[in-house]
């Protein structure tokens, strides 16, 4: 009985973290789009509004991916700890890590382990 309650709590915790990740992505893209439109059509609109939009969308996706990876880890480690589920988790983490690095390069224009350009000049 107690194991069923713990298992159910872990299941709903995982689903909650997944939903949070999805909401972060959807709301982040919505927010970024609203900011883009405000910047784009404002009389003092900047020339780099599209670059800012891409960076905002990338940040929303990165944060959402972090939540989705956390949900996968909880699911694999606590709910379904088998070698098959561990192999699937490893594949998901590798793919999402690649996506995270790619988005980081798109947003910042550098690899995460490289110094910022402004820091190099200082």
Protein backbone atom coordinates (compact mmCIF):
# COMPACT_ATOMS: atom_id res chain seq x y z
CA UNK A 1 0.00 0.00 0.00
CA UNK A 2 2.72 2.49 0.98
CA UNK A 3 4.77 1.63 -2.12
CA UNK A 4 1.73 2.35 -4.27
CA UNK A 5 1.32 5.78 -2.69
CA UNK A 6 5.02 6.61 -3.15
CA UNK A 7 4.93 5.35 -6.73
CA UNK A 8 1.84 7.42 -7.48
CA UNK A 9 3.44 10.52 -5.92
CA UNK A 10 6.59 10.01 -8.00
CA UNK A 11 4.51 9.52 -11.14
CA UNK A 12 2.59 12.76 -10.57
CA UNK A 13 5.78 14.60 -9.62
CA UNK A 14 7.33 13.52 -12.91
CA UNK A 15 4.23 14.59 -14.83
CA UNK A 16 4.22 17.94 -13.00
CA UNK A 17 7.85 18.60 -13.91
CA UNK A 18 7.14 17.62 -17.54
CA UNK A 19 4.14 19.96 -17.66
CA UNK A 20 6.24 22.74 -16.13
CA UNK A 21 8.88 22.22 -18.85
CA UNK A 22 6.29 22.34 -21.60
CA UNK A 23 4.66 25.45 -20.11
CA UNK A 24 8.02 27.17 -19.82
CA UNK A 25 8.68 26.56 -23.51
CA UNK A 26 5.20 27.61 -24.68
CA UNK A 27 4.94 30.67 -22.41
CA UNK A 28 8.55 31.64 -23.13
CA UNK A 29 7.95 31.58 -26.88
CA UNK A 30 4.71 33.52 -26.43
CA UNK A 31 6.49 36.12 -24.28
CA UNK A 32 9.42 36.33 -26.74
CA UNK A 33 6.99 36.82 -29.64
CA UNK A 34 5.16 39.60 -27.81
CA UNK A 35 8.47 41.33 -27.01
CA UNK A 36 9.59 40.93 -30.63
CA UNK A 37 6.41 42.49 -31.96
CA UNK A 38 6.61 45.38 -29.50
CA UNK A 39 10.25 46.02 -30.40
CA UNK A 40 9.72 45.56 -34.11
CA UNK A 41 6.84 47.95 -34.48
CA UNK A 42 7.92 50.50 -31.90
CA UNK A 43 9.00 53.81 -33.45
CA UNK A 44 12.40 53.49 -31.77
CA UNK A 45 12.64 49.80 -32.72
CA UNK A 46 16.13 48.41 -32.74
CA UNK A 47 17.74 46.86 -35.77
CA UNK A 48 18.57 43.68 -33.87
CA UNK A 49 15.00 42.81 -32.81
CA UNK A 50 15.16 39.48 -34.68
CA UNK A 51 18.44 38.50 -33.00
CA UNK A 52 16.92 39.34 -29.62
CA UNK A 53 13.84 37.27 -30.52
CA UNK A 54 15.96 34.25 -31.41
CA UNK A 55 17.89 34.59 -28.16
CA UNK A 56 14.68 34.84 -26.11
CA UNK A 57 13.18 31.78 -27.81
CA UNK A 58 16.44 29.88 -27.33
CA UNK A 59 16.51 30.70 -23.61
CA UNK A 60 12.91 29.50 -23.20
CA UNK A 61 13.71 26.24 -24.96
CA UNK A 62 16.88 25.72 -22.93
CA UNK A 63 15.07 26.21 -19.62
CA UNK A 64 12.20 23.97 -20.71
CA UNK A 65 14.66 21.25 -21.79
CA UNK A 66 16.27 21.34 -18.34
CA UNK A 67 12.90 20.59 -16.75
CA UNK A 68 12.18 17.80 -19.24
CA UNK A 69 15.57 16.19 -18.56
CA UNK A 70 14.87 16.39 -14.82
CA UNK A 71 11.53 14.65 -15.36
CA UNK A 72 13.23 11.90 -17.38
CA UNK A 73 15.82 11.40 -14.64
CA UNK A 74 13.13 11.14 -11.95
CA UNK A 75 11.17 8.71 -14.10
CA UNK A 76 14.15 6.49 -14.85
CA UNK A 77 15.83 6.47 -11.44
CA UNK A 78 12.83 6.42 -9.13
CA UNK A 79 9.95 4.89 -11.09
CA UNK A 80 11.32 2.48 -13.70
CA UNK A 81 14.96 1.60 -12.84
CA UNK A 82 15.76 -0.96 -15.56
CA UNK A 83 18.74 -1.18 -17.89
CA UNK A 84 16.47 -0.51 -20.87
CA UNK A 85 15.05 2.65 -19.31
CA UNK A 86 18.58 3.73 -18.33
CA UNK A 87 19.73 3.29 -21.95
CA UNK A 88 16.77 5.32 -23.19
CA UNK A 89 17.55 8.02 -20.60
CA UNK A 90 21.19 8.12 -21.71
CA UNK A 91 20.10 8.63 -25.32
CA UNK A 92 17.65 11.37 -24.36
CA UNK A 93 20.25 13.15 -22.24
CA UNK A 94 22.81 13.00 -25.06
CA UNK A 95 20.35 14.41 -27.59
CA UNK A 96 19.11 17.14 -25.25
CA UNK A 97 22.67 18.02 -24.22
CA UNK A 98 23.57 18.43 -27.89
CA UNK A 99 20.51 20.63 -28.37
CA UNK A 100 21.45 22.68 -25.31
CA UNK A 101 24.99 23.25 -26.56
CA UNK A 102 23.70 24.15 -30.02
CA UNK A 103 21.22 26.64 -28.58
CA UNK A 104 23.90 28.11 -26.31
CA UNK A 105 26.14 28.71 -29.32
CA UNK A 106 23.21 30.30 -31.20
CA UNK A 107 22.32 32.59 -28.29
CA UNK A 108 25.77 33.58 -27.02
CA UNK A 109 27.86 33.10 -30.16
CA UNK A 110 30.40 31.01 -28.25
CA UNK A 111 30.81 27.62 -26.61
CA UNK A 112 29.74 27.50 -22.95
CA UNK A 113 33.32 26.91 -21.78
CA UNK A 114 34.73 29.88 -23.71
CA UNK A 115 35.13 33.27 -22.08
CA UNK A 116 32.74 36.01 -23.05
CA UNK A 117 34.12 38.40 -25.66
CA UNK A 118 33.75 41.36 -23.28
CA UNK A 119 35.80 39.53 -20.61
CA UNK A 120 38.62 38.91 -23.08
CA UNK A 121 38.90 42.60 -23.87
CA UNK A 122 39.04 43.59 -20.20
